[in-house]
Amino acid sequence: MSSKTYQCLSCRISSTLQQSVKHVRRQFHASAPNSSRRRPAYPSIKQAELEAKSAHNADITARAAQLTPYTAREKELLAMRYTPEQMKVIEAGEAAINPLDMAEQGRLRGDAFRPTYMDDFATMRPLVDKEIRMAVDDAQAQVDSQPVKGKAGKKLPLPGVKYGADEEDPHMLRLRQQTGLTAEAIRKLRVKNLVSHRVVNQTRMGKIQSLYFLTIAGNQDGMVGIGEGKAAEDEDGKRQAMMNAIRNMRPIARYEERTIYGEVEGFGNRCQHLIFELARAAGISDLAARTPRSRNKMNVVKAAFEALTKQRLPEDVARARGRKMVDVRSVYYGGQVY
């Protein structure tokens, strides 16, 4: 029988600790050890990369050498175009820019018409370049060709800049194309809004409110028209009614350019303000009207317009009967009987 040496608990613990301590490196600080591999202080660069970097630096230096400062002659030419204050700003800007930075950060164009060289375009080439003209020069030439009477200090209009007066309303442009009228002729028309009220359209989604306008337009020389417009906004409805009235303008037959031929029947009271405005827009100054029935404003205007445009002219009656018409007033009295 083999006998084992008896060891107490403390002896066995101390022997185990001594064996584990032999394989552990002693630490001189409280931070945890870094088991990862240390990186080198300087990166490893290949010979090809060094040669490419050297060639790139040489290219930058060569391009920077082409960006030379302004010569005395070039400064004289610039002084003829710019003020002394502007010349100081140009010189300060040239001094603040490093040619090496321009050559390094600058990029050549990538299109097919790009120059294959670095150039500041300060030298004129007669075969390629045109004469330099600034926007202020073109504006000055335009002002000189159109002299202004009695006005001094007019601002120069710069090319390519749109001013508020130059922009044309697309609605007005379409109206001129449809009617053939010029902008000046449209401005001279007499336009007046006669009827305006609120209307409501009941739908399954609820009540939709809008504004209704009835407008007349005429040149006060035998042309008059009425137009209706409906929109949610006040300005939109008025513009729509005005343009419809101008589109619907029709010629009105006038006797002696002051009144109508014979008697017509229509709706509207005796020369009320609606028929009066319609007659004045058409250029009729002698007219009497009566309304035996409805007094609705919309019906009055529409009925008066229809009555004026559907007059039965004496020439048409005479031509239908095969007779010759003679105007007694025009022949015997010269049209001076009222």
Protein backbone atom coordinates (compact mmCIF):
# COMPACT_ATOMS: atom_id res chain seq x y z
CA MET A 1 0.00 0.00 0.00
CA SER A 2 1.26 3.48 -0.92
CA SER A 3 0.78 6.22 1.52
CA LYS A 4 0.06 9.87 0.48
CA THR A 5 1.48 12.77 2.35
CA TYR A 6 -1.21 14.67 4.12
CA GLN A 7 -1.32 18.46 3.57
CA CYS A 8 -3.50 20.93 5.24
CA LEU A 9 -5.84 23.24 3.37
CA SER A 10 -3.63 26.34 3.69
CA CYS A 11 -0.57 24.54 2.31
CA ARG A 12 -2.45 23.32 -0.72
CA ILE A 13 -3.81 26.83 -1.49
CA SER A 14 -0.38 28.44 -1.18
CA SER A 15 1.24 25.87 -3.53
CA THR A 16 -1.47 26.45 -6.15
CA LEU A 17 -0.95 30.21 -6.04
CA GLN A 18 2.80 29.86 -6.45
CA GLN A 19 2.38 27.75 -9.60
CA SER A 20 -0.03 30.26 -11.20
CA VAL A 21 2.21 33.25 -10.38
CA LYS A 22 5.15 31.73 -12.27
CA HIS A 23 3.29 32.09 -15.63
CA VAL A 24 2.02 35.72 -15.11
CA ARG A 25 4.06 38.80 -16.03
CA ARG A 26 4.42 41.32 -13.27
CA GLN A 27 2.47 44.58 -13.77
CA PHE A 28 3.87 47.89 -12.63
CA HIS A 29 0.69 49.95 -13.17
CA ALA A 30 -3.01 49.56 -12.49
CA SER A 31 -4.25 49.72 -16.12
CA ALA A 32 -5.17 46.54 -17.96
CA PRO A 33 -2.50 45.09 -20.29
CA ASN A 34 -2.90 45.63 -24.09
CA SER A 35 -2.67 42.28 -25.75
CA SER A 36 -3.01 43.64 -29.36
CA ARG A 37 -0.03 44.09 -31.63
CA ARG A 38 1.48 47.55 -31.68
CA ARG A 39 1.30 49.49 -34.95
CA PRO A 40 4.46 50.98 -36.40
CA ALA A 41 5.01 54.70 -35.89
CA TYR A 42 5.48 55.33 -39.65
CA PRO A 43 3.39 53.69 -42.40
CA SER A 44 5.04 51.46 -44.92
CA ILE A 45 5.21 53.11 -48.36
CA LYS A 46 6.09 51.31 -51.56
CA GLN A 47 8.61 52.60 -54.08
CA ALA A 48 5.92 53.00 -56.79
CA GLU A 49 3.85 55.20 -54.53
CA LEU A 50 6.85 57.39 -53.77
CA GLU A 51 7.56 57.84 -57.47
CA ALA A 52 3.91 58.71 -58.22
CA LYS A 53 3.89 61.24 -55.38
CA SER A 54 7.08 62.85 -56.64
CA ALA A 55 5.70 63.11 -60.17
CA HIS A 56 2.50 64.69 -58.86
CA ASN A 57 4.45 67.28 -56.85
CA ALA A 58 6.56 68.11 -59.89
CA ASP A 59 3.38 68.60 -61.97
CA ILE A 60 1.92 70.92 -59.36
CA THR A 61 5.12 72.97 -59.25
CA ALA A 62 5.18 73.27 -63.04
CA ARG A 63 1.56 74.41 -63.20
CA ALA A 64 2.09 76.90 -60.37
CA ALA A 65 4.99 78.41 -62.29
CA GLN A 66 2.56 79.34 -65.11
CA LEU A 67 0.37 81.39 -62.75
CA THR A 68 2.60 84.46 -62.71
CA PRO A 69 1.50 87.75 -61.11
CA TYR A 70 0.32 90.71 -63.18
CA THR A 71 2.99 92.65 -65.00
CA ALA A 72 3.24 96.43 -65.06
CA ARG A 73 1.67 96.56 -68.54
CA GLU A 74 -1.23 94.38 -67.49
CA LYS A 75 -1.85 96.59 -64.47
CA GLU A 76 -1.95 99.64 -66.73
CA LEU A 77 -4.58 97.99 -68.92
CA LEU A 78 -6.66 97.01 -65.89
CA ALA A 79 -6.42 100.54 -64.50
CA MET A 80 -8.08 101.82 -67.69
CA ARG A 81 -11.17 99.71 -66.94
CA TYR A 82 -11.36 99.65 -63.14
CA THR A 83 -11.26 102.38 -60.51
CA PRO A 84 -8.29 102.78 -58.11
CA GLU A 85 -10.33 101.23 -55.30
CA GLN A 86 -11.11 98.20 -57.45
CA MET A 87 -7.44 97.88 -58.41
CA LYS A 88 -6.47 97.73 -54.75
CA VAL A 89 -8.97 94.95 -54.21
CA ILE A 90 -7.63 93.03 -57.22
CA GLU A 91 -4.03 93.34 -56.01
CA ALA A 92 -4.99 92.26 -52.49
CA GLY A 93 -6.83 89.22 -53.87
CA GLU A 94 -3.87 88.23 -56.05
CA ALA A 95 -1.48 88.52 -53.09
CA ALA A 96 -3.74 86.42 -50.83
CA ILE A 97 -3.92 83.46 -53.25
CA ASN A 98 -0.98 81.07 -53.34
CA PRO A 99 -0.19 79.71 -56.84
CA LEU A 100 0.64 76.31 -55.36
CA ASP A 101 -2.83 76.10 -53.82
CA MET A 102 -4.43 77.09 -57.12
CA ALA A 103 -2.44 74.44 -59.01
CA GLU A 104 -3.14 71.75 -56.40
CA GLN A 105 -6.83 72.43 -55.74
CA GLY A 106 -7.77 73.57 -59.23
CA ARG A 107 -9.46 71.14 -61.60
CA LEU A 108 -9.37 71.16 -65.38
CA ARG A 109 -12.62 70.91 -67.30
CA GLY A 110 -13.72 67.45 -68.37
CA ASP A 111 -15.56 68.33 -71.59
CA ALA A 112 -14.25 67.85 -75.13
CA PHE A 113 -13.54 71.58 -75.58
CA ARG A 114 -11.37 71.97 -72.48
CA PRO A 115 -7.93 73.58 -72.83
CA THR A 116 -5.05 71.16 -72.44
CA TYR A 117 -2.94 73.69 -70.55
CA MET A 118 -3.17 75.90 -67.49
CA ASP A 119 -4.08 79.43 -68.49
CA ASP A 120 -5.46 82.42 -66.61
CA PHE A 121 -6.91 83.78 -69.90
CA ALA A 122 -5.21 87.14 -69.35
CA THR A 123 -3.68 87.14 -72.86
CA MET A 124 -5.88 87.89 -75.87
CA ARG A 125 -5.59 85.51 -78.83
CA PRO A 126 -7.00 87.10 -82.03
CA LEU A 127 -7.83 83.78 -83.69
CA VAL A 128 -9.78 82.39 -80.73
CA ASP A 129 -10.83 85.19 -78.40
CA LYS A 130 -13.26 88.02 -79.09
CA GLU A 131 -13.07 91.57 -77.86
CA ILE A 132 -13.78 91.80 -74.15
CA ARG A 133 -17.06 93.56 -73.42
CA MET A 134 -18.53 93.80 -69.96
CA ALA A 135 -22.22 93.87 -69.14
CA VAL A 136 -21.98 97.51 -68.10
CA ASP A 137 -20.56 98.40 -71.53
CA ASP A 138 -23.49 96.74 -73.33
CA ALA A 139 -25.97 98.50 -71.04
CA GLN A 140 -24.29 101.85 -71.63
CA ALA A 141 -24.43 101.34 -75.39
CA GLN A 142 -28.14 100.55 -75.13
CA VAL A 143 -28.78 103.73 -73.11
CA ASP A 144 -26.75 105.84 -75.55
CA SER A 145 -28.79 104.55 -78.49
CA GLN A 146 -32.04 105.56 -76.72
CA PRO A 147 -31.59 109.08 -75.31
CA VAL A 148 -33.85 110.11 -72.46
CA LYS A 149 -35.41 113.57 -72.60
CA GLY A 150 -35.40 115.58 -69.42
CA LYS A 151 -34.14 112.71 -67.24
CA ALA A 152 -30.70 112.37 -65.75
CA GLY A 153 -29.06 109.64 -63.76
CA LYS A 154 -31.01 106.74 -65.25
CA LYS A 155 -29.94 103.31 -64.00
CA LEU A 156 -28.27 101.04 -66.51
CA PRO A 157 -30.32 97.93 -67.33
CA LEU A 158 -28.04 94.92 -66.95
CA PRO A 159 -28.43 92.19 -69.58
CA GLY A 160 -29.93 88.95 -68.36
CA VAL A 161 -31.68 90.61 -65.41
CA LYS A 162 -35.49 90.57 -65.44
CA TYR A 163 -37.22 93.56 -63.92
CA GLY A 164 -40.78 93.69 -62.64
CA ALA A 165 -42.04 95.74 -65.58
CA ASP A 166 -40.50 93.39 -68.13
CA GLU A 167 -42.33 90.29 -66.96
CA GLU A 168 -45.61 89.79 -68.85
CA ASP A 169 -48.64 88.14 -67.33
CA PRO A 170 -49.17 84.74 -69.04
CA HIS A 171 -52.96 85.25 -68.91
CA MET A 172 -52.66 88.60 -70.72
CA LEU A 173 -50.31 87.07 -73.29
CA ARG A 174 -52.83 84.32 -74.05
CA LEU A 175 -55.63 86.89 -74.30
CA ARG A 176 -53.68 88.92 -76.87
CA GLN A 177 -53.01 85.78 -78.91
CA GLN A 178 -56.69 84.81 -78.91
CA THR A 179 -58.15 88.23 -79.71
CA GLY A 180 -55.38 89.71 -81.85
CA LEU A 181 -55.47 92.95 -79.84
CA THR A 182 -52.35 94.74 -78.72
CA ALA A 183 -51.54 95.47 -75.10
CA GLU A 184 -52.21 99.17 -75.68
CA ALA A 185 -55.66 98.43 -77.18
CA ILE A 186 -56.59 96.21 -74.23
CA ARG A 187 -55.59 98.92 -71.75
CA LYS A 188 -57.84 101.44 -73.53
CA LEU A 189 -60.96 99.25 -73.24
CA ARG A 190 -63.65 100.28 -70.80
CA VAL A 191 -64.09 97.42 -68.33
CA LYS A 192 -66.54 97.48 -65.44
CA ASN A 193 -67.88 94.87 -63.07
CA LEU A 194 -71.68 95.06 -62.79
CA VAL A 195 -72.75 92.02 -60.75
CA SER A 196 -70.92 90.24 -57.94
CA HIS A 197 -72.28 87.86 -55.31
CA ARG A 198 -71.42 84.69 -53.46
CA VAL A 199 -72.62 81.30 -54.70
CA VAL A 200 -72.65 77.93 -52.94
CA ASN A 201 -72.46 74.54 -54.62
CA GLN A 202 -73.88 71.70 -52.52
CA THR A 203 -71.99 68.43 -53.03
CA ARG A 204 -71.66 65.18 -51.14
CA MET A 205 -68.45 66.53 -49.61
CA GLY A 206 -70.25 69.60 -48.28
CA LYS A 207 -70.84 73.16 -49.43
CA ILE A 208 -68.27 74.67 -51.79
CA GLN A 209 -68.35 78.47 -51.71
CA SER A 210 -67.15 80.68 -54.57
CA LEU A 211 -67.59 84.22 -55.90
CA TYR A 212 -69.48 85.11 -59.09
CA PHE A 213 -68.71 88.17 -61.25
CA LEU A 214 -70.41 89.62 -64.32
CA THR A 215 -68.25 92.14 -66.22
CA ILE A 216 -68.70 94.19 -69.39
CA ALA A 217 -65.97 95.41 -71.75
CA GLY A 218 -66.17 97.78 -74.72
CA ASN A 219 -64.10 100.15 -76.80
CA GLN A 220 -66.83 102.86 -76.74
CA ASP A 221 -66.90 102.74 -80.53
CA GLY A 222 -69.36 100.00 -81.49
CA MET A 223 -67.80 96.96 -79.73
CA VAL A 224 -69.09 95.51 -76.48
CA GLY A 225 -69.03 92.15 -74.70
CA ILE A 226 -70.05 90.53 -71.41
CA GLY A 227 -68.21 87.86 -69.46
CA GLU A 228 -68.82 85.72 -66.39
CA GLY A 229 -66.27 84.44 -63.92
CA LYS A 230 -66.41 82.23 -60.88
CA ALA A 231 -63.53 81.45 -58.53
CA ALA A 232 -62.74 80.99 -54.87
CA GLU A 233 -60.56 84.11 -54.79
CA ASP A 234 -61.75 87.63 -55.55
CA GLU A 235 -58.91 88.56 -57.93
CA ASP A 236 -59.13 85.31 -59.88
CA GLY A 237 -62.87 85.69 -60.46
CA LYS A 238 -62.54 89.31 -61.60
CA ARG A 239 -59.72 88.49 -64.02
CA GLN A 240 -61.63 85.55 -65.45
CA ALA A 241 -64.77 87.65 -66.00
CA MET A 242 -62.79 90.50 -67.56
CA MET A 243 -60.99 88.22 -70.03
CA ASN A 244 -64.21 86.46 -70.99
CA ALA A 245 -65.84 89.83 -71.63
CA ILE A 246 -62.97 90.90 -73.91
CA ARG A 247 -63.13 87.58 -75.78
CA ASN A 248 -66.92 87.92 -76.25
CA MET A 249 -66.81 91.44 -77.70
CA ARG A 250 -69.13 91.84 -80.69
CA PRO A 251 -69.92 94.74 -83.02
CA ILE A 252 -73.08 96.75 -82.27
CA ALA A 253 -74.96 98.44 -85.11
CA ARG A 254 -75.40 102.16 -84.36
CA TYR A 255 -77.42 104.81 -86.14
CA GLU A 256 -75.37 107.98 -86.63
CA GLU A 257 -72.90 106.46 -84.13
CA ARG A 258 -75.12 107.53 -81.23
CA THR A 259 -78.20 105.31 -80.92
CA ILE A 260 -79.77 102.05 -82.11
CA TYR A 261 -82.01 101.29 -85.08
CA GLY A 262 -85.75 101.26 -84.34
CA GLU A 263 -87.21 99.76 -81.22
CA VAL A 264 -86.05 96.60 -79.44
CA GLU A 265 -87.55 94.63 -76.60
CA GLY A 266 -85.49 93.50 -73.64
CA PHE A 267 -85.32 93.23 -69.87
CA GLY A 268 -84.17 96.13 -67.71
CA ASN A 269 -85.83 99.25 -66.35
CA ARG A 270 -85.75 102.61 -68.04
CA CYS A 271 -82.08 103.33 -68.60
CA GLN A 272 -81.08 101.91 -65.27
CA HIS A 273 -77.43 101.89 -64.35
CA LEU A 274 -76.75 98.40 -65.76
CA ILE A 275 -78.05 99.21 -69.25
CA PHE A 276 -76.47 102.66 -69.04
CA GLU A 277 -73.01 101.17 -68.40
CA LEU A 278 -73.50 98.64 -71.19
CA ALA A 279 -74.57 101.36 -73.65
CA ARG A 280 -71.69 103.64 -72.68
CA ALA A 281 -69.19 100.82 -73.20
CA ALA A 282 -70.66 100.26 -76.67
CA GLY A 283 -70.51 103.97 -77.52
CA ILE A 284 -74.31 104.58 -77.49
CA SER A 285 -75.27 107.94 -76.03
CA ASP A 286 -78.98 108.12 -76.94
CA LEU A 287 -81.06 105.22 -75.61
CA ALA A 288 -84.24 104.59 -73.62
CA ALA A 289 -85.20 101.21 -72.15
CA ARG A 290 -88.02 99.77 -70.08
CA THR A 291 -88.43 96.46 -68.23
CA PRO A 292 -91.94 95.05 -68.16
CA ARG A 293 -90.89 91.89 -66.31
CA SER A 294 -87.89 90.59 -64.40
CA ARG A 295 -85.47 92.93 -62.58
CA ASN A 296 -82.76 90.34 -61.98
CA LYS A 297 -79.38 91.95 -62.62
CA MET A 298 -77.90 89.02 -64.49
CA ASN A 299 -80.95 88.69 -66.74
CA VAL A 300 -81.07 92.43 -67.37
CA VAL A 301 -77.45 92.60 -68.57
CA LYS A 302 -77.72 89.44 -70.69
CA ALA A 303 -81.04 90.48 -72.25
CA ALA A 304 -79.78 93.99 -73.06
CA PHE A 305 -76.63 92.55 -74.67
CA GLU A 306 -78.68 90.10 -76.73
CA ALA A 307 -81.07 92.86 -77.82
CA LEU A 308 -78.20 95.10 -78.95
CA THR A 309 -76.47 92.35 -80.92
CA LYS A 310 -79.69 91.08 -82.58
CA GLN A 311 -80.99 94.33 -84.00
CA ARG A 312 -82.97 94.12 -87.26
CA LEU A 313 -81.25 96.58 -89.55
CA PRO A 314 -83.26 98.55 -92.16
CA GLU A 315 -80.77 97.49 -94.87
CA ASP A 316 -81.55 93.85 -94.20
CA VAL A 317 -85.31 94.47 -94.36
CA ALA A 318 -85.00 96.39 -97.65
CA ARG A 319 -82.76 93.74 -99.17
CA ALA A 320 -85.22 91.01 -98.16
CA ARG A 321 -88.13 92.88 -99.80
CA GLY A 322 -86.18 93.80 -102.89
CA ARG A 323 -86.54 97.51 -102.22
CA LYS A 324 -84.16 100.43 -102.11
CA MET A 325 -83.80 102.16 -98.78
CA VAL A 326 -83.36 105.91 -98.48
CA ASP A 327 -82.53 107.51 -95.14
CA VAL A 328 -84.67 110.65 -95.07
CA ARG A 329 -82.84 112.23 -92.17
CA SER A 330 -79.45 111.70 -93.76
CA VAL A 331 -80.58 112.93 -97.21
CA TYR A 332 -82.83 115.90 -96.39
CA TYR A 333 -81.70 116.96 -92.94
CA GLY A 334 -78.09 115.74 -92.79
CA GLY A 335 -78.84 113.66 -89.77
CA GLN A 336 -79.23 116.70 -87.51
CA VAL A 337 -82.81 115.98 -86.38
CA TYR A 338 -83.04 114.67 -82.82
